Amino acid sequence: MSGKVDPALKVLEARQDEIMKRLYELKATVDGLSKTITTPDADIDVTSMVQDTPSMSLTGSVNLDSLLGKASDYGALRDIVINANPSHPPLSLLVLYSLLCERYKVLSAVHVHSSVPSVPAHLLKCFGEQGNHNYSRHDFQLGFTLIWKDVPKPQMKFNIQNMCPIEGEGNIARFLFSLLGQAQDVLTATLVDSWVDTAMFQLVEGSNKEKATALRSLNGVLGRTPWLVGSDLTLADIVAWCAVLQSSSATDVPANVQKWMKCCENLPHFSSAYKLLK
């Protein structure tokens, strides 16, 4: 009323400006890193593997060079190699694989590492039936190899200078989703990241109390919107759906979350992953 500004409001405004500045700087850093990614490297010979037992999808034409930078010595095909434990199938990565098949020409393969004595038949066929076809790697844009291995967390390996392997289902899911080329503003990307962390650290790895808290948060948001972030399906929905499915019984899931899960399961990308739990 007197025209004076409360000093506390000035402090709050300055803090908000600093947070937004840091978010934009972080986004710029991530964008820069994404352009340095070339081709993944595994602890076994991936080239011979994908030529032995491939499956395929030949749709889509998104330019991978615009997302990963131009390939140099490895040809047009970009290899994604993931190690995962068959006792905890990374369902979100399989949902994302299905989405990638709509965007790219994908050459896929499933293998079993010597550290795993046996793998259920349905996990060996998680990419569909695989036969001995003489496909050329040059006919594809993306190689997707899943190795069932005794590892504590899913791992994605790359042969990139000064870059560590990507570990954890949530982190790998972020990378795979970025290959879909869907642009997001800073606010949406931040909310999606927050939900991914909630799903992995609370629903999957958290205590019973933390899981209950996360489910209440999900239920509250899904009572207002059909999806977790905005009006469209995002990575947050994919990772959270898989986390709820693997960490909760049907009786623990609130009504809004149950309705949302049914909507997800009605999508073909989710239904194929859902079958792996049966």
Protein backbone atom coordinates (compact mmCIF):
# COMPACT_ATOMS: atom_id res chain seq x y z
CA MET A 1 0.00 0.00 0.00
CA SER A 2 2.85 2.40 0.79
CA GLY A 3 4.70 1.50 -2.40
CA LYS A 4 7.50 -0.29 -0.58
CA VAL A 5 8.55 -3.81 -1.54
CA ASP A 6 8.95 -6.39 1.19
CA PRO A 7 12.68 -7.38 1.36
CA ALA A 8 11.62 -11.01 1.73
CA LEU A 9 9.88 -10.85 -1.67
CA LYS A 10 13.05 -9.47 -3.24
CA VAL A 11 15.05 -12.37 -1.81
CA LEU A 12 12.48 -14.87 -3.11
CA GLU A 13 12.49 -13.29 -6.56
CA ALA A 14 16.28 -13.36 -6.73
CA ARG A 15 16.30 -17.00 -5.67
CA GLN A 16 13.75 -17.89 -8.37
CA ASP A 17 15.82 -16.11 -11.02
CA GLU A 18 18.91 -18.02 -9.93
CA ILE A 19 17.07 -21.38 -10.10
CA MET A 20 15.80 -20.65 -13.63
CA LYS A 21 19.28 -19.61 -14.70
CA ARG A 22 20.74 -22.88 -13.41
CA LEU A 23 18.01 -24.89 -15.16
CA TYR A 24 18.79 -23.26 -18.50
CA GLU A 25 22.53 -23.85 -17.97
CA LEU A 26 21.86 -27.51 -17.13
CA LYS A 27 19.70 -27.94 -20.24
CA ALA A 28 22.47 -26.42 -22.40
CA THR A 29 25.01 -28.82 -20.85
CA VAL A 30 22.82 -31.87 -21.47
CA ASP A 31 22.13 -30.77 -25.05
CA GLY A 32 25.86 -30.45 -25.61
CA LEU A 33 26.59 -33.90 -24.17
CA SER A 34 23.88 -35.54 -26.28
CA LYS A 35 25.60 -34.38 -29.45
CA THR A 36 28.85 -36.13 -28.49
CA ILE A 37 27.32 -39.61 -28.28
CA THR A 38 28.41 -41.94 -31.07
CA THR A 39 28.39 -45.72 -30.70
CA PRO A 40 28.09 -47.97 -27.61
CA ASP A 41 30.61 -50.58 -26.71
CA ALA A 42 29.92 -53.87 -24.93
CA ASP A 43 32.11 -56.34 -23.13
CA ILE A 44 31.40 -58.85 -25.93
CA ASP A 45 31.48 -58.68 -29.71
CA VAL A 46 28.23 -56.91 -30.60
CA THR A 47 28.85 -56.91 -34.33
CA SER A 48 28.84 -60.70 -34.56
CA MET A 49 25.87 -61.01 -32.19
CA VAL A 50 23.42 -58.81 -34.06
CA GLN A 51 24.30 -60.51 -37.31
CA ASP A 52 23.49 -63.91 -35.81
CA THR A 53 19.98 -63.48 -34.39
CA PRO A 54 18.25 -60.24 -35.38
CA SER A 55 14.64 -59.15 -35.31
CA MET A 56 13.52 -56.05 -37.10
CA SER A 57 11.21 -53.10 -37.58
CA LEU A 58 11.49 -51.03 -40.73
CA THR A 59 9.48 -47.88 -40.12
CA GLY A 60 10.27 -44.25 -39.44
CA SER A 61 12.91 -41.90 -40.78
CA VAL A 62 14.03 -39.58 -37.96
CA ASN A 63 17.61 -38.41 -38.50
CA LEU A 64 19.84 -39.83 -35.75
CA ASP A 65 22.71 -37.55 -36.76
CA SER A 66 20.71 -34.56 -35.53
CA LEU A 67 20.37 -36.20 -32.10
CA LEU A 68 23.72 -37.95 -31.66
CA GLY A 69 26.05 -36.14 -33.99
CA LYS A 70 27.46 -37.68 -37.16
CA ALA A 71 28.91 -41.18 -37.00
CA SER A 72 32.54 -41.46 -38.01
CA ASP A 73 34.12 -44.92 -38.11
CA TYR A 74 31.10 -47.04 -37.32
CA GLY A 75 28.85 -46.62 -40.33
CA ALA A 76 25.21 -45.62 -40.28
CA LEU A 77 24.07 -48.12 -37.64
CA ARG A 78 24.20 -46.94 -34.00
CA ASP A 79 24.48 -49.74 -31.45
CA ILE A 80 22.66 -49.63 -28.13
CA VAL A 81 23.88 -52.41 -25.83
CA ILE A 82 22.12 -52.98 -22.50
CA ASN A 83 23.04 -55.43 -19.74
CA ALA A 84 20.09 -56.31 -17.49
CA ASN A 85 19.30 -58.84 -14.78
CA PRO A 86 16.53 -61.28 -15.79
CA SER A 87 15.29 -61.39 -12.17
CA HIS A 88 14.32 -57.72 -12.56
CA PRO A 89 13.36 -57.13 -16.22
CA PRO A 90 13.65 -53.42 -17.13
CA LEU A 91 10.10 -53.05 -18.46
CA SER A 92 10.40 -49.34 -19.21
CA LEU A 93 13.30 -50.00 -21.57
CA LEU A 94 11.22 -52.55 -23.46
CA VAL A 95 8.35 -50.06 -23.79
CA LEU A 96 10.82 -47.51 -25.16
CA TYR A 97 12.25 -50.10 -27.55
CA SER A 98 8.76 -50.54 -29.00
CA LEU A 99 8.42 -46.78 -29.45
CA LEU A 100 11.85 -46.56 -31.10
CA CYS A 101 10.75 -49.18 -33.62
CA GLU A 102 8.14 -46.68 -34.84
CA ARG A 103 10.81 -44.07 -35.52
CA TYR A 104 13.77 -46.04 -36.83
CA LYS A 105 14.84 -49.14 -38.72
CA VAL A 106 15.82 -51.26 -35.72
CA LEU A 107 18.01 -54.37 -35.67
CA SER A 108 17.51 -56.13 -32.32
CA ALA A 109 18.95 -59.17 -30.55
CA VAL A 110 18.74 -60.90 -27.16
CA HIS A 111 21.66 -62.82 -25.61
CA VAL A 112 22.50 -64.52 -22.33
CA HIS A 113 25.76 -63.85 -20.49
CA SER A 114 27.67 -66.71 -18.87
CA SER A 115 26.96 -65.22 -15.41
CA VAL A 116 23.29 -66.21 -15.76
CA PRO A 117 22.58 -69.98 -15.56
CA SER A 118 19.18 -69.81 -17.27
CA VAL A 119 16.62 -67.29 -18.55
CA PRO A 120 12.86 -67.87 -18.94
CA ALA A 121 11.78 -68.43 -22.54
CA HIS A 122 9.49 -65.38 -22.60
CA LEU A 123 12.44 -63.10 -21.75
CA LEU A 124 14.48 -64.60 -24.58
CA LYS A 125 11.63 -63.62 -26.91
CA CYS A 126 11.01 -60.13 -25.49
CA PHE A 127 11.66 -58.65 -28.95
CA GLY A 128 9.55 -61.26 -30.69
CA GLU A 129 10.63 -64.34 -32.57
CA GLN A 130 14.22 -64.23 -33.83
CA GLY A 131 15.55 -66.33 -36.67
CA ASN A 132 18.75 -66.69 -38.63
CA HIS A 133 18.15 -64.07 -41.30
CA ASN A 134 20.90 -62.68 -43.46
CA TYR A 135 20.19 -59.01 -42.89
CA SER A 136 22.93 -56.48 -43.46
CA ARG A 137 23.68 -54.04 -40.66
CA HIS A 138 23.77 -51.27 -43.23
CA ASP A 139 20.04 -51.73 -43.83
CA PHE A 140 19.28 -50.42 -40.33
CA GLN A 141 19.66 -47.18 -38.40
CA LEU A 142 19.69 -48.46 -34.84
CA GLY A 143 21.01 -51.61 -33.20
CA PHE A 144 19.34 -52.65 -29.94
CA THR A 145 21.02 -55.54 -28.13
CA LEU A 146 19.81 -56.78 -24.74
CA ILE A 147 22.15 -59.03 -22.75
CA TRP A 148 20.67 -60.86 -19.78
CA LYS A 149 23.48 -60.68 -17.24
CA ASP A 150 23.99 -60.86 -13.47
CA VAL A 151 24.25 -57.12 -12.80
CA PRO A 152 22.86 -55.11 -9.83
CA LYS A 153 21.39 -52.45 -12.14
CA PRO A 154 20.82 -52.16 -15.89
CA GLN A 155 23.89 -50.86 -17.72
CA MET A 156 24.34 -49.22 -21.10
CA LYS A 157 27.90 -49.08 -22.40
CA PHE A 158 29.35 -46.63 -24.91
CA ASN A 159 32.74 -46.24 -26.46
CA ILE A 160 32.95 -42.51 -25.82
CA GLN A 161 35.96 -40.59 -24.61
CA ASN A 162 35.62 -39.08 -21.13
CA MET A 163 32.14 -40.53 -20.63
CA CYS A 164 31.15 -43.20 -18.09
CA PRO A 165 28.71 -46.00 -18.88
CA ILE A 166 25.08 -45.15 -18.16
CA GLU A 167 23.74 -47.09 -15.17
CA GLY A 168 20.25 -47.44 -13.77
CA GLU A 169 16.95 -48.03 -15.53
CA GLY A 170 15.80 -44.43 -15.08
CA ASN A 171 18.96 -42.94 -16.60
CA ILE A 172 18.95 -45.31 -19.55
CA ALA A 173 15.25 -44.58 -20.10
CA ARG A 174 16.03 -40.85 -20.27
CA PHE A 175 18.58 -41.50 -23.00
CA LEU A 176 16.32 -43.77 -25.04
CA PHE A 177 13.41 -41.34 -24.80
CA SER A 178 15.65 -38.53 -26.08
CA LEU A 179 16.15 -40.56 -29.29
CA LEU A 180 12.44 -40.15 -30.05
CA GLY A 181 13.19 -36.50 -30.82
CA GLN A 182 10.29 -35.03 -28.83
CA ALA A 183 10.99 -31.43 -27.88
CA GLN A 184 10.15 -30.35 -24.31
CA ASP A 185 10.33 -27.00 -22.59
CA VAL A 186 12.43 -26.63 -19.44
CA LEU A 187 9.48 -26.84 -17.06
CA THR A 188 8.09 -30.03 -18.63
CA ALA A 189 11.52 -31.66 -18.73
CA THR A 190 12.08 -30.81 -15.05
CA LEU A 191 8.71 -32.28 -14.00
CA VAL A 192 9.36 -35.43 -16.04
CA ASP A 193 12.79 -35.86 -14.41
CA SER A 194 11.23 -35.42 -10.98
CA TRP A 195 8.67 -38.18 -11.62
CA VAL A 196 11.33 -40.52 -13.01
CA ASP A 197 13.36 -40.05 -9.82
CA THR A 198 10.25 -40.59 -7.68
CA ALA A 199 9.47 -43.81 -9.53
CA MET A 200 12.98 -45.26 -9.24
CA PHE A 201 14.03 -44.06 -5.78
CA GLN A 202 10.70 -44.31 -3.96
CA LEU A 203 8.48 -46.83 -5.77
CA VAL A 204 11.24 -49.27 -6.74
CA GLU A 205 13.97 -48.80 -4.13
CA GLY A 206 12.10 -47.07 -1.30
CA SER A 207 10.63 -48.34 1.95
CA ASN A 208 6.95 -49.24 2.31
CA LYS A 209 6.30 -45.76 3.71
CA GLU A 210 8.05 -44.10 0.77
CA LYS A 211 6.11 -46.23 -1.71
CA ALA A 212 2.81 -45.28 -0.06
CA THR A 213 3.75 -41.59 -0.20
CA ALA A 214 4.68 -41.82 -3.88
CA LEU A 215 1.40 -43.59 -4.70
CA ARG A 216 -0.56 -40.83 -2.94
CA SER A 217 1.31 -38.22 -5.00
CA LEU A 218 0.54 -40.12 -8.20
CA ASN A 219 -3.10 -40.45 -7.23
CA GLY A 220 -3.42 -36.73 -6.53
CA VAL A 221 -1.97 -35.65 -9.88
CA LEU A 222 -3.89 -38.26 -11.87
CA GLY A 223 -7.11 -37.04 -10.33
CA ARG A 224 -6.62 -33.78 -12.24
CA THR A 225 -4.92 -34.84 -15.49
CA PRO A 226 -4.96 -38.02 -17.63
CA TRP A 227 -1.14 -38.21 -17.67
CA LEU A 228 1.50 -37.27 -15.11
CA VAL A 229 2.88 -34.24 -16.99
CA GLY A 230 0.48 -32.31 -19.19
CA SER A 231 -2.04 -33.77 -21.60
CA ASP A 232 0.32 -36.17 -23.41
CA LEU A 233 2.16 -39.37 -22.58
CA THR A 234 5.75 -38.71 -21.47
CA LEU A 235 8.71 -40.64 -20.11
CA ALA A 236 7.29 -40.01 -16.63
CA ASP A 237 4.27 -42.20 -17.41
CA ILE A 238 6.39 -44.98 -18.90
CA VAL A 239 8.83 -45.26 -15.98
CA ALA A 240 6.18 -44.72 -13.27
CA TRP A 241 3.84 -47.32 -14.80
CA CYS A 242 6.59 -49.93 -14.81
CA ALA A 243 7.62 -49.02 -11.24
CA VAL A 244 4.05 -49.32 -9.91
CA LEU A 245 3.52 -52.59 -11.75
CA GLN A 246 6.64 -54.19 -10.30
CA SER A 247 6.52 -52.79 -6.77
CA SER A 248 2.84 -52.84 -5.73
CA SER A 249 0.00 -55.31 -5.47
CA ALA A 250 -3.39 -54.47 -7.00
CA THR A 251 -4.89 -53.79 -3.56
CA ASP A 252 -2.25 -51.15 -2.76
CA VAL A 253 -2.93 -48.99 -5.83
CA PRO A 254 -5.35 -46.03 -5.40
CA ALA A 255 -8.31 -45.59 -7.75
CA ASN A 256 -6.89 -42.83 -9.97
CA VAL A 257 -3.63 -44.73 -10.39
CA GLN A 258 -5.51 -47.92 -11.31
CA LYS A 259 -7.46 -46.06 -14.00
CA TRP A 260 -4.26 -44.54 -15.39
CA MET A 261 -2.53 -47.93 -15.44
CA LYS A 262 -5.42 -49.40 -17.44
CA CYS A 263 -5.04 -46.57 -19.97
CA CYS A 264 -1.33 -47.37 -20.29
CA GLU A 265 -1.93 -51.10 -20.65
CA ASN A 266 -4.38 -50.48 -23.48
CA LEU A 267 -1.51 -49.05 -25.54
CA PRO A 268 0.34 -51.71 -27.59
CA HIS A 269 3.78 -50.53 -26.43
CA PHE A 270 2.84 -51.20 -22.82
CA SER A 271 0.88 -54.40 -23.36
CA SER A 272 3.88 -56.18 -24.90
CA ALA A 273 6.00 -55.38 -21.84
CA TYR A 274 3.16 -56.28 -19.47
CA LYS A 275 3.07 -59.83 -20.87
CA LEU A 276 6.62 -60.40 -19.61
CA LEU A 277 5.34 -60.42 -16.01
CA LYS A 278 2.78 -63.13 -16.64
